[in-house]
Amino acid sequence: MPRNPTVVDQHVGARVRAARLEAGKSQTEVAESLGLTFQQLQKYEKGTNRISAGKLHELSRLFDTPVQFFFDGMAGAVSRRGNGKGATALDPLTRFGGTSEGMKIVMALEKADSALRRMLAQHVDDVVRLAGREKPRARG
């Protein structure tokens, strides 16, 4: 019986993807270094398959980051969604940061001072609103 991905599985997978993108590695490169197929790594990154403790350890060594990195920001996501079982939505920052575009933007913004970041954030907000492509805000 297939299981639904949990918020934890999705969050850890998104953090794996973010680490991979930041390292500039393809799914194939990372999968081969872990003894996996790229499809298995894809399932890890989507949270479809749960990552074992051993694989998390290998990933932390591969990306030269502590294992805790994959869980950073997790407490807020789980507390907002109960126990995390059967949940399917990640917080917006994790979803966005896990994309190649999001990672490029974050890395570029890291170089900017706070005044420039505020100005760019306002500009992006204005462009999205004027283009009529703003996603409806969640009510809660």
N, C-alpha and C. Protein backbone atom coordinates (compact mmCIF):
# COMPACT_ATOMS: atom_id res chain seq x y z
N MET A 1 0.85 -1.18 0.00
CA MET A 1 0.00 0.00 0.00
C MET A 1 0.89 1.24 0.00
N PRO A 2 0.73 2.13 -1.01
CA PRO A 2 1.57 3.33 -1.05
C PRO A 2 1.23 4.26 0.10
N ARG A 3 2.25 4.91 0.60
CA ARG A 3 2.04 5.84 1.70
C ARG A 3 2.06 7.27 1.16
N ASN A 4 1.36 8.14 1.87
CA ASN A 4 1.40 9.56 1.52
C ASN A 4 2.67 10.17 2.08
N PRO A 5 3.31 11.05 1.32
CA PRO A 5 4.49 11.72 1.86
C PRO A 5 4.09 12.58 3.06
N THR A 6 4.95 12.62 4.04
CA THR A 6 4.70 13.49 5.20
C THR A 6 5.40 14.82 4.96
N VAL A 7 5.04 15.80 5.76
CA VAL A 7 5.69 17.10 5.69
C VAL A 7 7.19 16.94 5.94
N VAL A 8 7.55 16.06 6.85
CA VAL A 8 8.97 15.84 7.16
C VAL A 8 9.69 15.31 5.93
N ASP A 9 9.13 14.29 5.27
CA ASP A 9 9.76 13.72 4.08
C ASP A 9 9.90 14.79 2.98
N GLN A 10 8.87 15.59 2.79
CA GLN A 10 8.91 16.63 1.77
C GLN A 10 9.94 17.71 2.12
N HIS A 11 9.99 18.08 3.38
CA HIS A 11 10.92 19.12 3.80
C HIS A 11 12.36 18.65 3.62
N VAL A 12 12.66 17.44 4.10
CA VAL A 12 14.02 16.90 3.97
C VAL A 12 14.37 16.78 2.49
N GLY A 13 13.45 16.31 1.68
CA GLY A 13 13.70 16.19 0.24
C GLY A 13 13.99 17.53 -0.41
N ALA A 14 13.22 18.54 -0.02
CA ALA A 14 13.44 19.88 -0.57
C ALA A 14 14.80 20.43 -0.16
N ARG A 15 15.22 20.12 1.07
CA ARG A 15 16.54 20.56 1.53
C ARG A 15 17.66 19.82 0.79
N VAL A 16 17.43 18.55 0.45
CA VAL A 16 18.41 17.80 -0.36
C VAL A 16 18.53 18.47 -1.72
N ARG A 17 17.39 18.79 -2.32
CA ARG A 17 17.41 19.45 -3.63
C ARG A 17 18.13 20.79 -3.56
N ALA A 18 17.84 21.57 -2.52
CA ALA A 18 18.50 22.87 -2.37
C ALA A 18 20.01 22.70 -2.24
N ALA A 19 20.45 21.72 -1.45
CA ALA A 19 21.89 21.48 -1.29
C ALA A 19 22.52 21.06 -2.61
N ARG A 20 21.81 20.23 -3.35
CA ARG A 20 22.32 19.78 -4.65
C ARG A 20 22.45 20.94 -5.62
N LEU A 21 21.43 21.78 -5.68
CA LEU A 21 21.46 22.93 -6.59
C LEU A 21 22.56 23.91 -6.19
N GLU A 22 22.71 24.13 -4.89
CA GLU A 22 23.75 25.04 -4.42
C GLU A 22 25.14 24.50 -4.76
N ALA A 23 25.28 23.18 -4.74
CA ALA A 23 26.56 22.56 -5.09
C ALA A 23 26.78 22.50 -6.60
N GLY A 24 25.73 22.83 -7.37
CA GLY A 24 25.85 22.82 -8.83
C GLY A 24 25.94 21.42 -9.42
N LYS A 25 25.32 20.45 -8.73
CA LYS A 25 25.38 19.06 -9.19
C LYS A 25 24.05 18.64 -9.79
N SER A 26 24.11 17.75 -10.77
CA SER A 26 22.89 17.21 -11.37
C SER A 26 22.36 16.06 -10.51
N GLN A 27 21.12 15.69 -10.75
CA GLN A 27 20.57 14.54 -10.04
C GLN A 27 21.37 13.28 -10.36
N THR A 28 21.78 13.15 -11.58
CA THR A 28 22.55 11.98 -11.99
C THR A 28 23.88 11.91 -11.25
N GLU A 29 24.59 13.03 -11.14
CA GLU A 29 25.87 13.06 -10.43
C GLU A 29 25.71 12.65 -8.97
N VAL A 30 24.72 13.23 -8.30
CA VAL A 30 24.51 12.92 -6.89
C VAL A 30 24.07 11.47 -6.73
N ALA A 31 23.14 11.04 -7.57
CA ALA A 31 22.65 9.66 -7.47
C ALA A 31 23.78 8.66 -7.65
N GLU A 32 24.62 8.88 -8.64
CA GLU A 32 25.73 7.95 -8.86
C GLU A 32 26.68 7.90 -7.68
N SER A 33 26.95 9.03 -7.07
CA SER A 33 27.86 9.05 -5.93
C SER A 33 27.25 8.35 -4.71
N LEU A 34 25.91 8.21 -4.68
CA LEU A 34 25.22 7.54 -3.58
C LEU A 34 24.85 6.10 -3.92
N GLY A 35 25.16 5.67 -5.16
CA GLY A 35 24.79 4.33 -5.58
C GLY A 35 23.31 4.18 -5.86
N LEU A 36 22.68 5.26 -6.33
CA LEU A 36 21.25 5.27 -6.64
C LEU A 36 21.04 5.57 -8.13
N THR A 37 19.81 5.40 -8.59
CA THR A 37 19.45 5.90 -9.91
C THR A 37 18.96 7.34 -9.73
N PHE A 38 18.97 8.11 -10.82
CA PHE A 38 18.49 9.49 -10.69
C PHE A 38 17.01 9.51 -10.34
N GLN A 39 16.25 8.46 -10.75
CA GLN A 39 14.83 8.40 -10.41
C GLN A 39 14.64 8.24 -8.89
N GLN A 40 15.52 7.45 -8.25
CA GLN A 40 15.44 7.30 -6.80
C GLN A 40 15.72 8.63 -6.11
N LEU A 41 16.72 9.34 -6.60
CA LEU A 41 17.03 10.65 -6.01
C LEU A 41 15.87 11.61 -6.21
N GLN A 42 15.24 11.56 -7.39
CA GLN A 42 14.07 12.40 -7.66
C GLN A 42 12.98 12.14 -6.62
N LYS A 43 12.74 10.87 -6.33
CA LYS A 43 11.71 10.52 -5.34
C LYS A 43 12.10 11.00 -3.94
N TYR A 44 13.39 10.96 -3.61
CA TYR A 44 13.85 11.50 -2.35
C TYR A 44 13.57 13.00 -2.29
N GLU A 45 13.92 13.71 -3.38
CA GLU A 45 13.76 15.16 -3.39
C GLU A 45 12.30 15.58 -3.33
N LYS A 46 11.41 14.79 -3.86
CA LYS A 46 9.98 15.11 -3.82
C LYS A 46 9.33 14.68 -2.51
N GLY A 47 10.05 13.86 -1.74
CA GLY A 47 9.48 13.35 -0.50
C GLY A 47 8.63 12.12 -0.71
N THR A 48 8.60 11.60 -1.93
CA THR A 48 7.81 10.41 -2.24
C THR A 48 8.39 9.20 -1.53
N ASN A 49 9.73 9.09 -1.53
CA ASN A 49 10.42 8.03 -0.80
C ASN A 49 11.13 8.62 0.40
N ARG A 50 11.07 7.94 1.50
CA ARG A 50 11.73 8.38 2.73
C ARG A 50 13.23 8.09 2.63
N ILE A 51 14.03 9.03 3.10
CA ILE A 51 15.49 8.88 3.06
C ILE A 51 15.95 8.25 4.37
N SER A 52 16.73 7.18 4.25
CA SER A 52 17.23 6.51 5.45
C SER A 52 18.28 7.36 6.15
N ALA A 53 18.52 7.04 7.41
CA ALA A 53 19.54 7.75 8.19
C ALA A 53 20.91 7.60 7.54
N GLY A 54 21.19 6.41 7.02
CA GLY A 54 22.48 6.18 6.36
C GLY A 54 22.66 7.06 5.13
N LYS A 55 21.60 7.19 4.32
CA LYS A 55 21.68 8.03 3.12
C LYS A 55 21.80 9.50 3.51
N LEU A 56 21.10 9.91 4.57
CA LEU A 56 21.23 11.30 5.03
C LEU A 56 22.67 11.58 5.46
N HIS A 57 23.28 10.61 6.10
CA HIS A 57 24.68 10.76 6.51
C HIS A 57 25.57 10.90 5.27
N GLU A 58 25.34 10.05 4.27
CA GLU A 58 26.11 10.14 3.02
C GLU A 58 25.91 11.49 2.34
N LEU A 59 24.66 11.97 2.33
CA LEU A 59 24.36 13.27 1.72
C LEU A 59 25.06 14.40 2.46
N SER A 60 25.08 14.31 3.79
CA SER A 60 25.74 15.37 4.56
C SER A 60 27.24 15.40 4.26
N ARG A 61 27.83 14.25 4.07
CA ARG A 61 29.26 14.19 3.73
C ARG A 61 29.48 14.70 2.30
N LEU A 62 28.62 14.30 1.39
CA LEU A 62 28.74 14.72 0.00
C LEU A 62 28.66 16.23 -0.14
N PHE A 63 27.73 16.85 0.59
CA PHE A 63 27.53 18.30 0.49
C PHE A 63 28.29 19.07 1.57
N ASP A 64 29.08 18.35 2.36
CA ASP A 64 29.89 18.96 3.43
C ASP A 64 29.03 19.86 4.32
N THR A 65 27.96 19.29 4.82
CA THR A 65 27.02 20.02 5.67
C THR A 65 26.57 19.08 6.79
N PRO A 66 26.23 19.60 7.96
CA PRO A 66 25.75 18.71 9.03
C PRO A 66 24.40 18.10 8.67
N VAL A 67 24.11 16.93 9.19
CA VAL A 67 22.83 16.27 8.94
C VAL A 67 21.67 17.20 9.33
N GLN A 68 21.86 17.98 10.38
CA GLN A 68 20.82 18.90 10.85
C GLN A 68 20.35 19.85 9.75
N PHE A 69 21.22 20.16 8.78
CA PHE A 69 20.85 21.05 7.68
C PHE A 69 19.55 20.60 7.01
N PHE A 70 19.38 19.30 6.86
CA PHE A 70 18.21 18.77 6.16
C PHE A 70 16.91 18.95 6.95
N PHE A 71 17.05 19.23 8.26
CA PHE A 71 15.88 19.42 9.11
C PHE A 71 15.68 20.88 9.52
N ASP A 72 16.61 21.75 9.15
CA ASP A 72 16.49 23.16 9.52
C ASP A 72 15.15 23.71 9.03
N GLY A 73 14.45 24.42 9.90
CA GLY A 73 13.16 25.01 9.56
C GLY A 73 12.00 24.05 9.69
N MET A 74 12.27 22.83 10.09
CA MET A 74 11.24 21.79 10.15
C MET A 74 10.23 22.01 11.27
N ALA A 75 10.65 22.51 12.42
CA ALA A 75 9.75 22.64 13.58
C ALA A 75 8.52 23.47 13.24
N GLY A 76 8.69 24.58 12.55
CA GLY A 76 7.56 25.43 12.19
C GLY A 76 6.61 24.75 11.23
N ALA A 77 7.15 24.01 10.28
CA ALA A 77 6.30 23.34 9.28
C ALA A 77 5.43 22.28 9.94
N VAL A 78 5.99 21.51 10.85
CA VAL A 78 5.21 20.45 11.50
C VAL A 78 4.19 21.05 12.46
N SER A 79 4.57 22.07 13.22
CA SER A 79 3.62 22.63 14.19
C SER A 79 2.44 23.30 13.49
N ARG A 80 2.66 23.83 12.29
CA ARG A 80 1.55 24.46 11.56
C ARG A 80 0.61 23.41 10.96
N ARG A 81 1.07 22.18 10.82
CA ARG A 81 0.27 21.16 10.14
C ARG A 81 0.02 19.93 11.01
N GLY A 82 0.01 20.08 12.29
CA GLY A 82 -0.23 18.95 13.18
C GLY A 82 0.99 18.06 13.24
N ASN A 83 0.77 16.75 13.14
CA ASN A 83 1.88 15.81 13.31
C ASN A 83 2.66 15.56 12.02
N GLY A 84 2.21 16.12 10.91
CA GLY A 84 2.95 15.96 9.65
C GLY A 84 2.54 14.74 8.86
N LYS A 85 1.64 13.91 9.36
CA LYS A 85 1.25 12.71 8.62
C LYS A 85 0.22 13.06 7.56
N GLY A 86 0.50 12.62 6.34
CA GLY A 86 -0.44 12.82 5.24
C GLY A 86 -0.48 14.24 4.71
N ALA A 87 0.32 15.12 5.23
CA ALA A 87 0.33 16.50 4.75
C ALA A 87 1.03 16.56 3.40
N THR A 88 0.61 17.49 2.55
CA THR A 88 1.20 17.55 1.22
C THR A 88 1.79 18.91 0.88
N ALA A 89 1.64 19.90 1.73
CA ALA A 89 2.12 21.24 1.38
C ALA A 89 3.32 21.64 2.21
N LEU A 90 4.32 22.18 1.55
CA LEU A 90 5.48 22.72 2.24
C LEU A 90 5.29 24.21 2.42
N ASP A 91 6.06 24.78 3.34
CA ASP A 91 5.98 26.22 3.50
C ASP A 91 6.55 26.88 2.24
N PRO A 92 6.12 28.10 1.92
CA PRO A 92 6.52 28.75 0.68
C PRO A 92 8.03 28.90 0.51
N LEU A 93 8.74 29.19 1.58
CA LEU A 93 10.18 29.36 1.46
C LEU A 93 10.87 28.07 1.05
N THR A 94 10.45 26.95 1.61
CA THR A 94 11.04 25.67 1.25
C THR A 94 10.70 25.30 -0.19
N ARG A 95 9.43 25.52 -0.58
CA ARG A 95 9.04 25.23 -1.97
C ARG A 95 9.86 26.06 -2.94
N PHE A 96 9.94 27.37 -2.71
CA PHE A 96 10.63 28.28 -3.61
C PHE A 96 12.13 28.04 -3.61
N GLY A 97 12.71 27.89 -2.43
CA GLY A 97 14.16 27.67 -2.32
C GLY A 97 14.61 26.36 -2.91
N GLY A 98 13.70 25.42 -3.06
CA GLY A 98 14.03 24.12 -3.64
C GLY A 98 14.00 24.10 -5.16
N THR A 99 13.69 25.23 -5.78
CA THR A 99 13.71 25.30 -7.25
C THR A 99 15.03 25.89 -7.71
N SER A 100 15.39 25.61 -8.95
CA SER A 100 16.65 26.16 -9.46
C SER A 100 16.56 27.68 -9.56
N GLU A 101 15.39 28.21 -9.94
CA GLU A 101 15.22 29.67 -10.02
C GLU A 101 15.32 30.29 -8.64
N GLY A 102 14.67 29.66 -7.67
CA GLY A 102 14.70 30.17 -6.31
C GLY A 102 16.12 30.20 -5.76
N MET A 103 16.87 29.15 -6.03
CA MET A 103 18.25 29.10 -5.55
C MET A 103 19.09 30.18 -6.21
N LYS A 104 18.91 30.41 -7.50
CA LYS A 104 19.66 31.47 -8.20
C LYS A 104 19.34 32.84 -7.60
N ILE A 105 18.06 33.08 -7.34
CA ILE A 105 17.64 34.36 -6.78
C ILE A 105 18.21 34.54 -5.38
N VAL A 106 18.11 33.51 -4.57
CA VAL A 106 18.63 33.60 -3.20
C VAL A 106 20.12 33.87 -3.21
N MET A 107 20.86 33.16 -4.04
CA MET A 107 22.31 33.34 -4.09
C MET A 107 22.66 34.75 -4.58
N ALA A 108 21.90 35.29 -5.53
CA ALA A 108 22.15 36.65 -6.00
C ALA A 108 21.81 37.68 -4.92
N LEU A 109 20.67 37.49 -4.25
CA LEU A 109 20.25 38.43 -3.21
C LEU A 109 21.19 38.44 -2.01
N GLU A 110 21.85 37.31 -1.79
CA GLU A 110 22.79 37.23 -0.68
C GLU A 110 23.92 38.27 -0.83
N LYS A 111 24.20 38.65 -2.05
CA LYS A 111 25.28 39.60 -2.33
C LYS A 111 24.83 41.05 -2.17
N ALA A 112 23.51 41.28 -2.13
CA ALA A 112 22.97 42.64 -2.08
C ALA A 112 22.84 43.13 -0.64
N ASP A 113 22.89 44.45 -0.47
CA ASP A 113 22.66 45.00 0.87
C ASP A 113 21.16 45.02 1.16
N SER A 114 20.80 45.28 2.41
CA SER A 114 19.40 45.19 2.82
C SER A 114 18.50 46.20 2.10
N ALA A 115 18.99 47.40 1.82
CA ALA A 115 18.17 48.39 1.13
C ALA A 115 17.83 47.92 -0.29
N LEU A 116 18.82 47.36 -0.96
CA LEU A 116 18.58 46.85 -2.32
C LEU A 116 17.62 45.66 -2.28
N ARG A 117 17.76 44.77 -1.29
CA ARG A 117 16.85 43.62 -1.18
C ARG A 117 15.42 44.08 -0.96
N ARG A 118 15.22 45.09 -0.10
CA ARG A 118 13.86 45.62 0.13
C ARG A 118 13.28 46.19 -1.15
N MET A 119 14.10 46.97 -1.88
CA MET A 119 13.63 47.57 -3.12
C MET A 119 13.26 46.49 -4.15
N LEU A 120 14.11 45.47 -4.27
CA LEU A 120 13.84 44.39 -5.21
C LEU A 120 12.59 43.60 -4.82
N ALA A 121 12.41 43.36 -3.53
CA ALA A 121 11.21 42.64 -3.07
C ALA A 121 9.95 43.41 -3.43
N GLN A 122 9.96 44.72 -3.23
CA GLN A 122 8.80 45.55 -3.57
C GLN A 122 8.56 45.53 -5.07
N HIS A 123 9.63 45.60 -5.84
CA HIS A 123 9.51 45.59 -7.30
C HIS A 123 8.92 44.27 -7.79
N VAL A 124 9.40 43.16 -7.26
CA VAL A 124 8.87 41.85 -7.65
C VAL A 124 7.40 41.75 -7.29
N ASP A 125 7.03 42.20 -6.10
CA ASP A 125 5.64 42.18 -5.67
C ASP A 125 4.77 43.00 -6.63
N ASP A 126 5.24 44.19 -7.01
CA ASP A 126 4.50 45.04 -7.94
C ASP A 126 4.35 44.39 -9.31
N VAL A 127 5.41 43.81 -9.83
CA VAL A 127 5.37 43.18 -11.16
C VAL A 127 4.40 42.01 -11.17
N VAL A 128 4.45 41.17 -10.15
CA VAL A 128 3.55 40.01 -10.08
C VAL A 128 2.10 40.48 -10.00
N ARG A 129 1.84 41.48 -9.18
CA ARG A 129 0.48 41.99 -9.03
C ARG A 129 -0.02 42.61 -10.33
N LEU A 130 0.81 43.43 -10.98
CA LEU A 130 0.41 44.08 -12.23
C LEU A 130 0.23 43.09 -13.37
N ALA A 131 0.97 42.02 -13.34
CA ALA A 131 0.84 41.00 -14.39
C ALA A 131 -0.39 40.12 -14.15
N GLY A 132 -1.04 40.29 -13.01
CA GLY A 132 -2.23 39.52 -12.73
C GLY A 132 -1.93 38.06 -12.44
N ARG A 133 -0.72 37.78 -12.02
CA ARG A 133 -0.31 36.40 -11.79
C ARG A 133 -0.14 36.08 -10.31
N GLU A 134 -0.66 36.95 -9.50
CA GLU A 134 -0.53 36.74 -8.06
C GLU A 134 -1.40 35.55 -7.65
N LYS A 135 -0.81 34.65 -6.89
CA LYS A 135 -1.57 33.51 -6.38
C LYS A 135 -2.50 34.01 -5.28
N PRO A 136 -3.69 33.42 -5.19
CA PRO A 136 -4.59 33.83 -4.11
C PRO A 136 -3.94 33.54 -2.75
N ARG A 137 -4.11 34.44 -1.82
CA ARG A 137 -3.53 34.25 -0.49
C ARG A 137 -4.35 33.22 0.29
N ALA A 138 -3.65 32.41 1.05
CA ALA A 138 -4.33 31.39 1.87
C ALA A 138 -5.10 32.09 2.98
N ARG A 139 -6.26 31.58 3.23
CA ARG A 139 -7.06 32.14 4.33
C ARG A 139 -6.92 31.23 5.53
N GLY A 140 -6.82 31.82 6.66
CA GLY A 140 -6.65 30.95 7.81
C GLY A 140 -6.77 31.62 9.04
